[in-house]
């Protein structure tokens, strides 16, 4: 069985992000990609995108409540 797939770039190192190593991104059934990245301005974070604007999930220095 042959399937056609469409590849959509989610993020690159041309602007906001400086590095994506050492973690591997994860993709869900709807095509959203979660990934860790270092920021060109310093720090790092966890992000999610799927062809739309990338959303911040957590950034270096964020306080996470409810634990």
C-alpha atoms as a PDB file:
ATOM      1  CA  UNK A   1       0.000   0.000   0.000  1.00  0.00           C
ATOM      2  CA  UNK A   2       1.392   3.391  -0.991  1.00  0.00           C
ATOM      3  CA  UNK A   3       0.761   6.527   1.056  1.00  0.00           C
ATOM      4  CA  UNK A   4       1.480  10.145   0.294  1.00  0.00           C
ATOM      5  CA  UNK A   5       2.881  12.298   3.081  1.00  0.00           C
ATOM      6  CA  UNK A   6       3.351  16.034   3.368  1.00  0.00           C
ATOM      7  CA  UNK A   7       6.350  17.378   5.270  1.00  0.00           C
ATOM      8  CA  UNK A   8       5.809  20.736   7.005  1.00  0.00           C
ATOM      9  CA  UNK A   9       8.732  22.540   8.642  1.00  0.00           C
ATOM     10  CA  UNK A  10       7.805  23.415  12.226  1.00  0.00           C
ATOM     11  CA  UNK A  11      10.885  25.266  13.495  1.00  0.00           C
ATOM     12  CA  UNK A  12      14.440  26.066  12.448  1.00  0.00           C
ATOM     13  CA  UNK A  13      17.481  27.944  13.742  1.00  0.00           C
ATOM     14  CA  UNK A  14      17.105  31.031  11.531  1.00  0.00           C
ATOM     15  CA  UNK A  15      15.387  33.220  14.155  1.00  0.00           C
ATOM     16  CA  UNK A  16      14.258  32.286  17.672  1.00  0.00           C
ATOM     17  CA  UNK A  17      15.861  28.881  18.208  1.00  0.00           C
ATOM     18  CA  UNK A  18      19.566  28.050  18.290  1.00  0.00           C
ATOM     19  CA  UNK A  19      19.622  24.270  18.819  1.00  0.00           C
ATOM     20  CA  UNK A  20      17.304  21.275  19.089  1.00  0.00           C
ATOM     21  CA  UNK A  21      19.715  18.666  20.505  1.00  0.00           C
ATOM     22  CA  UNK A  22      19.851  16.294  22.336  1.00  0.00           C
ATOM     23  CA  UNK A  23      16.118  15.526  22.470  1.00  0.00           C
ATOM     24  CA  UNK A  24      13.987  14.025  19.709  1.00  0.00           C
ATOM     25  CA  UNK A  25      10.676  15.724  18.837  1.00  0.00           C
ATOM     26  CA  UNK A  26       7.361  13.905  19.246  1.00  0.00           C
ATOM     27  CA  UNK A  27       4.388  14.104  16.889  1.00  0.00           C
ATOM     28  CA  UNK A  28       0.767  13.362  17.762  1.00  0.00           C
ATOM     29  CA  UNK A  29      -2.038  11.980  15.576  1.00  0.00           C
ATOM     30  CA  UNK A  30      -3.137  15.505  14.575  1.00  0.00           C
ATOM     31  CA  UNK A  31       0.343  16.429  13.347  1.00  0.00           C
ATOM     32  CA  UNK A  32       1.361  18.670  16.250  1.00  0.00           C
ATOM     33  CA  UNK A  33       5.032  18.459  17.149  1.00  0.00           C
ATOM     34  CA  UNK A  34       6.377  18.891  20.700  1.00  0.00           C
ATOM     35  CA  UNK A  35      10.079  19.662  20.970  1.00  0.00           C
ATOM     36  CA  UNK A  36      12.800  21.032  23.236  1.00  0.00           C
ATOM     37  CA  UNK A  37      14.961  23.870  21.939  1.00  0.00           C
ATOM     38  CA  UNK A  38      17.657  26.247  23.104  1.00  0.00           C
ATOM     39  CA  UNK A  39      16.860  29.899  22.499  1.00  0.00           C
ATOM     40  CA  UNK A  40      19.159  32.338  20.720  1.00  0.00           C
ATOM     41  CA  UNK A  41      18.419  34.874  23.490  1.00  0.00           C
ATOM     42  CA  UNK A  42      19.496  32.330  26.139  1.00  0.00           C
ATOM     43  CA  UNK A  43      17.703  29.641  28.076  1.00  0.00           C
ATOM     44  CA  UNK A  44      15.599  26.883  26.625  1.00  0.00           C
ATOM     45  CA  UNK A  45      12.089  25.553  26.615  1.00  0.00           C
ATOM     46  CA  UNK A  46       9.487  23.065  25.510  1.00  0.00           C
ATOM     47  CA  UNK A  47       7.388  24.121  22.520  1.00  0.00           C
ATOM     48  CA  UNK A  48       4.549  22.800  20.362  1.00  0.00           C
ATOM     49  CA  UNK A  49       3.588  23.612  16.792  1.00  0.00           C
ATOM     50  CA  UNK A  50       1.813  22.151  13.832  1.00  0.00           C
ATOM     51  CA  UNK A  51       2.149  24.579  10.948  1.00  0.00           C
ATOM     52  CA  UNK A  52       0.577  27.403  12.956  1.00  0.00           C
ATOM     53  CA  UNK A  53       2.481  29.744  15.290  1.00  0.00           C
ATOM     54  CA  UNK A  54       4.641  27.869  17.787  1.00  0.00           C
ATOM     55  CA  UNK A  55       3.332  27.894  21.364  1.00  0.00           C
ATOM     56  CA  UNK A  56       5.529  27.950  24.471  1.00  0.00           C
ATOM     57  CA  UNK A  57       4.749  25.120  26.886  1.00  0.00           C
ATOM     58  CA  UNK A  58       7.497  25.891  29.431  1.00  0.00           C
ATOM     59  CA  UNK A  59      10.511  28.211  29.391  1.00  0.00           C
ATOM     60  CA  UNK A  60      13.656  28.339  31.520  1.00  0.00           C
ATOM     61  CA  UNK A  61      12.735  30.108  34.755  1.00  0.00           C
ATOM     62  CA  UNK A  62       8.977  29.540  34.501  1.00  0.00           C
ATOM     63  CA  UNK A  63       7.268  28.621  37.750  1.00  0.00           C
ATOM     64  CA  UNK A  64       5.017  25.579  37.488  1.00  0.00           C
ATOM     65  CA  UNK A  65       2.278  25.413  40.072  1.00  0.00           C
ATOM     66  CA  UNK A  66       0.008  22.633  41.227  1.00  0.00           C
ATOM     67  CA  UNK A  67       2.636  20.066  42.185  1.00  0.00           C
END
